[in-house]
PDB file of N, CA and C in Angstrom:
ATOM      1  N   MET A   1       7.596 -26.354  18.749  1.00  0.00           N
ATOM      2  CA  MET A   1       6.769 -24.528  17.692  1.00  0.00           C
ATOM      3  C   MET A   1       6.860 -24.806  18.586  1.00  0.00           C
ATOM      4  N   PRO A   2       6.599 -23.001  18.509  1.00  0.00           N
ATOM      5  CA  PRO A   2       7.171 -21.889  18.885  1.00  0.00           C
ATOM      6  C   PRO A   2       5.188 -21.193  19.881  1.00  0.00           C
ATOM      7  N   ASN A   3       5.716 -21.169  21.013  1.00  0.00           N
ATOM      8  CA  ASN A   3       4.531 -20.558  21.641  1.00  0.00           C
ATOM      9  C   ASN A   3       3.365 -19.164  20.974  1.00  0.00           C
ATOM     10  N   ASN A   4       2.105 -19.319  21.316  1.00  0.00           N
ATOM     11  CA  ASN A   4       1.619 -18.280  21.049  1.00  0.00           C
ATOM     12  C   ASN A   4       2.180 -16.948  21.056  1.00  0.00           C
ATOM     13  N   SER A   5       3.134 -16.352  22.020  1.00  0.00           N
ATOM     14  CA  SER A   5       3.472 -14.694  22.233  1.00  0.00           C
ATOM     15  C   SER A   5       4.308 -15.123  21.268  1.00  0.00           C
ATOM     16  N   GLU A   6       5.513 -16.409  20.830  1.00  0.00           N
ATOM     17  CA  GLU A   6       6.728 -15.943  19.471  1.00  0.00           C
ATOM     18  C   GLU A   6       6.244 -15.983  18.387  1.00  0.00           C
ATOM     19  N   ALA A   7       4.909 -17.178  18.196  1.00  0.00           N
ATOM     20  CA  ALA A   7       4.598 -16.832  16.976  1.00  0.00           C
ATOM     21  C   ALA A   7       4.256 -15.541  16.310  1.00  0.00           C
ATOM     22  N   ASN A   8       3.072 -14.727  17.661  1.00  0.00           N
ATOM     23  CA  ASN A   8       2.037 -13.550  17.227  1.00  0.00           C
ATOM     24  C   ASN A   8       3.575 -12.589  16.912  1.00  0.00           C
ATOM     25  N   MET A   9       5.190 -12.572  17.585  1.00  0.00           N
ATOM     26  CA  MET A   9       5.449 -11.549  17.175  1.00  0.00           C
ATOM     27  C   MET A   9       6.908 -11.709  15.967  1.00  0.00           C
ATOM     28  N   HIS A  10       6.439 -13.460  15.470  1.00  0.00           N
ATOM     29  CA  HIS A  10       6.899 -13.558  14.030  1.00  0.00           C
ATOM     30  C   HIS A  10       6.048 -12.419  12.993  1.00  0.00           C
ATOM     31  N   ALA A  11       4.898 -13.337  13.199  1.00  0.00           N
ATOM     32  CA  ALA A  11       3.538 -12.968  12.583  1.00  0.00           C
ATOM     33  C   ALA A  11       3.754 -11.100  12.295  1.00  0.00           C
ATOM     34  N   ALA A  12       3.542 -10.390  13.125  1.00  0.00           N
ATOM     35  CA  ALA A  12       4.066  -8.761  13.400  1.00  0.00           C
ATOM     36  C   ALA A  12       4.946  -8.979  12.741  1.00  0.00           C
ATOM     37  N   ASP A  13       6.880  -8.808  13.067  1.00  0.00           N
ATOM     38  CA  ASP A  13       7.585  -8.935  12.236  1.00  0.00           C
ATOM     39  C   ASP A  13       7.403  -9.055  10.684  1.00  0.00           C
ATOM     40  N   ALA A  14       6.576  -9.801   9.657  1.00  0.00           N
ATOM     41  CA  ALA A  14       6.541  -9.792   8.486  1.00  0.00           C
ATOM     42  C   ALA A  14       5.423  -9.020   8.484  1.00  0.00           C
ATOM     43  N   LEU A  15       4.475  -8.648   9.144  1.00  0.00           N
ATOM     44  CA  LEU A  15       3.489  -7.301   8.816  1.00  0.00           C
ATOM     45  C   LEU A  15       4.419  -6.666   8.536  1.00  0.00           C
ATOM     46  N   THR A  16       5.102  -6.461   9.485  1.00  0.00           N
ATOM     47  CA  THR A  16       6.052  -4.778   9.116  1.00  0.00           C
ATOM     48  C   THR A  16       6.873  -5.053   8.225  1.00  0.00           C
ATOM     49  N   LEU A  17       7.773  -5.907   7.330  1.00  0.00           N
ATOM     50  CA  LEU A  17       8.271  -6.004   6.436  1.00  0.00           C
ATOM     51  C   LEU A  17       7.458  -5.281   5.035  1.00  0.00           C
ATOM     52  N   LEU A  18       6.023  -5.900   5.036  1.00  0.00           N
ATOM     53  CA  LEU A  18       5.333  -5.824   3.901  1.00  0.00           C
ATOM     54  C   LEU A  18       4.862  -4.580   4.616  1.00  0.00           C
ATOM     55  N   LEU A  19       4.327  -3.783   4.890  1.00  0.00           N
ATOM     56  CA  LEU A  19       4.365  -2.387   5.398  1.00  0.00           C
ATOM     57  C   LEU A  19       5.168  -1.503   5.318  1.00  0.00           C
ATOM     58  N   HIS A  20       6.408  -1.450   4.809  1.00  0.00           N
ATOM     59  CA  HIS A  20       7.581  -1.390   5.013  1.00  0.00           C
ATOM     60  C   HIS A  20       7.633  -1.558   3.003  1.00  0.00           C
ATOM     61  N   ASN A  21       7.195  -2.370   2.810  1.00  0.00           N
ATOM     62  CA  ASN A  21       7.310  -2.311   1.093  1.00  0.00           C
ATOM     63  C   ASN A  21       6.049  -1.990   1.007  1.00  0.00           C
ATOM     64  N   GLN A  22       4.718  -1.725   1.482  1.00  0.00           N
ATOM     65  CA  GLN A  22       3.582  -0.610   1.147  1.00  0.00           C
ATOM     66  C   GLN A  22       4.271   0.928   0.974  1.00  0.00           C
ATOM     67  N   HIS A  23       5.125   1.102   2.220  1.00  0.00           N
ATOM     68  CA  HIS A  23       5.232   2.741   2.465  1.00  0.00           C
ATOM     69  C   HIS A  23       6.442   2.982   0.736  1.00  0.00           C
ATOM     70  N   ALA A  24       6.987   1.864   0.134  1.00  0.00           N
ATOM     71  CA  ALA A  24       7.786   2.307  -0.492  1.00  0.00           C
ATOM     72  C   ALA A  24       7.366   2.356  -1.681  1.00  0.00           C
ATOM     73  N   LEU A  25       6.664   0.971  -2.308  1.00  0.00           N
ATOM     74  CA  LEU A  25       5.863   1.535  -3.273  1.00  0.00           C
ATOM     75  C   LEU A  25       5.032   3.169  -3.238  1.00  0.00           C
ATOM     76  N   ALA A  26       4.352   3.567  -2.079  1.00  0.00           N
ATOM     77  CA  ALA A  26       3.160   4.313  -2.182  1.00  0.00           C
ATOM     78  C   ALA A  26       4.681   5.571  -2.940  1.00  0.00           C
ATOM     79  N   ALA A  27       5.995   5.837  -2.362  1.00  0.00           N
ATOM     80  CA  ALA A  27       6.640   6.337  -2.318  1.00  0.00           C
ATOM     81  C   ALA A  27       6.844   6.579  -3.931  1.00  0.00           C
ATOM     82  N   ALA A  28       7.395   5.635  -4.820  1.00  0.00           N
ATOM     83  CA  ALA A  28       7.206   5.624  -6.000  1.00  0.00           C
ATOM     84  C   ALA A  28       6.164   6.241  -6.563  1.00  0.00           C
ATOM     85  N   ILE A  29       4.949   5.538  -6.749  1.00  0.00           N
ATOM     86  CA  ILE A  29       3.695   5.798  -7.042  1.00  0.00           C
ATOM     87  C   ILE A  29       3.436   7.340  -6.935  1.00  0.00           C
ATOM     88  N   GLU A  30       3.582   7.715  -6.128  1.00  0.00           N
ATOM     89  CA  GLU A  30       3.491   9.555  -5.818  1.00  0.00           C
ATOM     90  C   GLU A  30       4.998   9.835  -7.053  1.00  0.00           C
ATOM     91  N   GLU A  31       5.608   9.495  -6.901  1.00  0.00           N
ATOM     92  CA  GLU A  31       6.879  10.331  -7.536  1.00  0.00           C
ATOM     93  C   GLU A  31       6.431  10.459  -9.104  1.00  0.00           C
ATOM     94  N   VAL A  32       5.583   9.008  -9.330  1.00  0.00           N
ATOM     95  CA  VAL A  32       4.885   8.988 -11.382  1.00  0.00           C
ATOM     96  C   VAL A  32       3.833   9.762 -11.213  1.00  0.00           C
ATOM     97  N   THR A  33       3.455   9.671 -10.243  1.00  0.00           N
ATOM     98  CA  THR A  33       2.417  10.289 -10.366  1.00  0.00           C
ATOM     99  C   THR A  33       2.689  11.831 -10.113  1.00  0.00           C
ATOM    100  N   LEU A  34       3.114  12.871  -9.613  1.00  0.00           N
ATOM    101  CA  LEU A  34       3.627  14.142  -9.990  1.00  0.00           C
ATOM    102  C   LEU A  34       4.127  14.163 -11.293  1.00  0.00           C
ATOM    103  N   TRP A  35       5.183  13.775 -11.990  1.00  0.00           N
ATOM    104  CA  TRP A  35       5.492  13.592 -13.377  1.00  0.00           C
ATOM    105  C   TRP A  35       4.606  13.242 -14.333  1.00  0.00           C
ATOM    106  N   LEU A  36       3.567  12.673 -14.402  1.00  0.00           N
ATOM    107  CA  LEU A  36       2.339  12.174 -15.082  1.00  0.00           C
ATOM    108  C   LEU A  36       1.703  14.046 -15.100  1.00  0.00           C
ATOM    109  N   SER A  37       1.588  14.225 -13.744  1.00  0.00           N
ATOM    110  CA  SER A  37       0.069  15.096 -13.581  1.00  0.00           C
ATOM    111  C   SER A  37       0.884  16.704 -13.939  1.00  0.00           C
ATOM    112  N   GLU A  38       2.152  16.385 -14.594  1.00  0.00           N
ATOM    113  CA  GLU A  38       3.008  17.809 -14.486  1.00  0.00           C
ATOM    114  C   GLU A  38       3.360  17.481 -15.644  1.00  0.00           C
ATOM    115  N   ASN A  39       3.745  16.433 -16.524  1.00  0.00           N
ATOM    116  CA  ASN A  39       3.750  16.384 -18.352  1.00  0.00           C
ATOM    117  C   ASN A  39       2.351  15.478 -18.652  1.00  0.00           C
ATOM    118  N   GLY A  40       1.197  15.821 -18.487  1.00  0.00           N
ATOM    119  CA  GLY A  40      -0.087  15.812 -19.227  1.00  0.00           C
ATOM    120  C   GLY A  40      -0.911  14.896 -18.950  1.00  0.00           C
ATOM    121  N   GLY A  41      -0.723  13.583 -17.853  1.00  0.00           N
ATOM    122  CA  GLY A  41      -1.425  12.719 -17.089  1.00  0.00           C
ATOM    123  C   GLY A  41      -2.313  12.354 -16.923  1.00  0.00           C
ATOM    124  N   GLY A  42      -3.504  13.586 -17.063  1.00  0.00           N
ATOM    125  CA  GLY A  42      -3.914  13.644 -15.961  1.00  0.00           C
ATOM    126  C   GLY A  42      -5.133  12.878 -15.512  1.00  0.00           C
ATOM    127  N   ASN A  43      -5.294  11.876 -16.163  1.00  0.00           N
ATOM    128  CA  ASN A  43      -6.179  10.512 -16.427  1.00  0.00           C
ATOM    129  C   ASN A  43      -5.181   9.314 -15.872  1.00  0.00           C
ATOM    130  N   VAL A  44      -4.235   9.297 -15.463  1.00  0.00           N
ATOM    131  CA  VAL A  44      -3.347   8.509 -15.019  1.00  0.00           C
ATOM    132  C   VAL A  44      -3.326   8.455 -14.148  1.00  0.00           C
ATOM    133  N   ALA A  45      -2.805   9.734 -13.100  1.00  0.00           N
ATOM    134  CA  ALA A  45      -2.798  10.652 -11.816  1.00  0.00           C
ATOM    135  C   ALA A  45      -3.424  10.168 -11.183  1.00  0.00           C
ATOM    136  N   ALA A  46      -5.095  10.683 -12.207  1.00  0.00           N
ATOM    137  CA  ALA A  46      -5.588  10.823 -10.729  1.00  0.00           C
ATOM    138  C   ALA A  46      -5.949   8.758 -10.591  1.00  0.00           C
ATOM    139  N   ASN A  47      -5.503   7.994 -11.406  1.00  0.00           N
ATOM    140  CA  ASN A  47      -6.038   6.812 -11.465  1.00  0.00           C
ATOM    141  C   ASN A  47      -5.090   6.241 -10.108  1.00  0.00           C
ATOM    142  N   ALA A  48      -3.576   6.525 -10.471  1.00  0.00           N
ATOM    143  CA  ALA A  48      -2.476   6.284  -9.417  1.00  0.00           C
ATOM    144  C   ALA A  48      -3.077   7.004  -8.070  1.00  0.00           C
ATOM    145  N   THR A  49      -3.422   8.345  -7.870  1.00  0.00           N
ATOM    146  CA  THR A  49      -3.954   8.914  -6.763  1.00  0.00           C
ATOM    147  C   THR A  49      -4.810   8.032  -6.108  1.00  0.00           C
ATOM    148  N   ALA A  50      -5.825   7.342  -6.955  1.00  0.00           N
ATOM    149  CA  ALA A  50      -6.798   5.975  -5.841  1.00  0.00           C
ATOM    150  C   ALA A  50      -5.864   5.627  -5.188  1.00  0.00           C
ATOM    151  N   ALA A  51      -5.081   4.686  -6.238  1.00  0.00           N
ATOM    152  CA  ALA A  51      -4.584   3.513  -5.699  1.00  0.00           C
ATOM    153  C   ALA A  51      -3.608   4.587  -4.478  1.00  0.00           C
ATOM    154  N   LEU A  52      -2.836   4.852  -4.520  1.00  0.00           N
ATOM    155  CA  LEU A  52      -2.227   5.414  -3.121  1.00  0.00           C
ATOM    156  C   LEU A  52      -2.884   5.954  -1.645  1.00  0.00           C
ATOM    157  N   ASN A  53      -4.391   6.376  -2.683  1.00  0.00           N
ATOM    158  CA  ASN A  53      -5.335   5.959  -0.867  1.00  0.00           C
ATOM    159  C   ASN A  53      -5.598   4.666  -0.815  1.00  0.00           C
ATOM    160  N   THR A  54      -5.652   3.210  -1.910  1.00  0.00           N
ATOM    161  CA  THR A  54      -6.158   2.095  -1.080  1.00  0.00           C
ATOM    162  C   THR A  54      -5.224   2.030  -0.249  1.00  0.00           C
ATOM    163  N   LEU A  55      -3.527   2.180  -1.071  1.00  0.00           N
ATOM    164  CA  LEU A  55      -2.205   2.112  -0.100  1.00  0.00           C
ATOM    165  C   LEU A  55      -2.001   2.836   1.154  1.00  0.00           C
ATOM    166  N   ASP A  56      -3.105   3.842   1.322  1.00  0.00           N
ATOM    167  CA  ASP A  56      -3.400   3.887   2.513  1.00  0.00           C
ATOM    168  C   ASP A  56      -4.280   3.515   3.624  1.00  0.00           C
ATOM    169  N   THR A  57      -4.850   3.431   2.534  1.00  0.00           N
ATOM    170  CA  THR A  57      -6.124   2.477   3.820  1.00  0.00           C
ATOM    171  C   THR A  57      -5.480   1.382   4.218  1.00  0.00           C
ATOM    172  N   ASN A  58      -4.618   0.809   3.940  1.00  0.00           N
ATOM    173  CA  ASN A  58      -4.278  -0.654   4.099  1.00  0.00           C
ATOM    174  C   ASN A  58      -2.814  -0.567   5.293  1.00  0.00           C
ATOM    175  N   ALA A  59      -2.403   0.184   4.895  1.00  0.00           N
ATOM    176  CA  ALA A  59      -1.618   0.970   5.338  1.00  0.00           C
ATOM    177  C   ALA A  59      -2.034   0.908   7.294  1.00  0.00           C
ATOM    178  N   LYS A  60      -2.701   1.489   7.307  1.00  0.00           N
ATOM    179  CA  LYS A  60      -3.238   2.349   8.859  1.00  0.00           C
ATOM    180  C   LYS A  60      -4.390   0.710   8.812  1.00  0.00           C
ATOM    181  N   GLY A  61      -4.630  -0.280   8.538  1.00  0.00           N
ATOM    182  CA  GLY A  61      -4.905  -1.220   9.095  1.00  0.00           C
ATOM    183  C   GLY A  61      -4.180  -2.710   9.124  1.00  0.00           C
ATOM    184  N   LEU A  62      -3.147  -2.439   8.256  1.00  0.00           N
ATOM    185  CA  LEU A  62      -1.889  -3.345   8.929  1.00  0.00           C
ATOM    186  C   LEU A  62      -0.708  -2.740   9.933  1.00  0.00           C
ATOM    187  N   THR A  63      -1.103  -1.298  10.094  1.00  0.00           N
ATOM    188  CA  THR A  63      -0.280  -1.068  11.031  1.00  0.00           C
ATOM    189  C   THR A  63      -1.068  -1.214  12.153  1.00  0.00           C
ATOM    190  N   ASN A  64      -2.490  -1.219  12.176  1.00  0.00           N
ATOM    191  CA  ASN A  64      -3.666  -1.658  13.597  1.00  0.00           C
ATOM    192  C   ASN A  64      -2.957  -3.127  13.416  1.00  0.00           C
ATOM    193  N   SER A  65      -3.018  -4.072  12.501  1.00  0.00           N
ATOM    194  CA  SER A  65      -2.706  -5.506  13.060  1.00  0.00           C
ATOM    195  C   SER A  65      -1.879  -5.847  13.496  1.00  0.00           C
ATOM    196  N   ILE A  66      -0.296  -4.847  12.835  1.00  0.00           N
ATOM    197  CA  ILE A  66       1.019  -5.350  14.063  1.00  0.00           C
ATOM    198  C   ILE A  66       0.971  -4.831  15.610  1.00  0.00           C
ATOM    199  N   MET A  67       0.057  -3.721  15.961  1.00  0.00           N
ATOM    200  CA  MET A  67       0.198  -3.168  17.890  1.00  0.00           C
ATOM    201  C   MET A  67      -0.740  -4.330  17.958  1.00  0.00           C
ATOM    202  N   ARG A  68      -1.510  -4.452  17.636  1.00  0.00           N
ATOM    203  CA  ARG A  68      -2.138  -6.175  17.801  1.00  0.00           C
ATOM    204  C   ARG A  68      -1.747  -7.422  18.685  1.00  0.00           C
ATOM    205  N   LEU A  69      -0.982  -7.179  17.377  1.00  0.00           N
ATOM    206  CA  LEU A  69      -0.452  -8.788  17.488  1.00  0.00           C
ATOM    207  C   LEU A  69       1.226  -7.848  18.283  1.00  0.00           C
ATOM    208  N   ARG A  70       1.982  -7.567  18.487  1.00  0.00           N
ATOM    209  CA  ARG A  70       2.810  -6.722  19.785  1.00  0.00           C
ATOM    210  C   ARG A  70       1.902  -6.920  21.668  1.00  0.00           C
ATOM    211  N   GLN A  71       1.047  -7.032  21.255  1.00  0.00           N
ATOM    212  CA  GLN A  71       0.178  -6.666  22.233  1.00  0.00           C
ATOM    213  C   GLN A  71       0.181  -8.347  22.985  1.00  0.00           C
ATOM    214  N   LEU A  72      -0.252  -9.137  22.453  1.00  0.00           N
ATOM    215  CA  LEU A  72      -0.622 -10.183  23.063  1.00  0.00           C
ATOM    216  C   LEU A  72       0.328 -11.068  23.536  1.00  0.00           C
TER     217      LEU A  72
END
């Protein structure tokens, strides 16, 4: 069984991959939001912007967790 420090690093690595996926999803949603806002989908674009805000908030939380795990 890995020691606590090794387990923390594995958890941090896994969270880092999830964070990268989250950034990729945010970039894709941004592109769609831009297209929607330029093509008359104002309400949908507003909903997508709200989703982006949630992704951004959660990304900050993931980043903080990753940093704490790497310091242990």
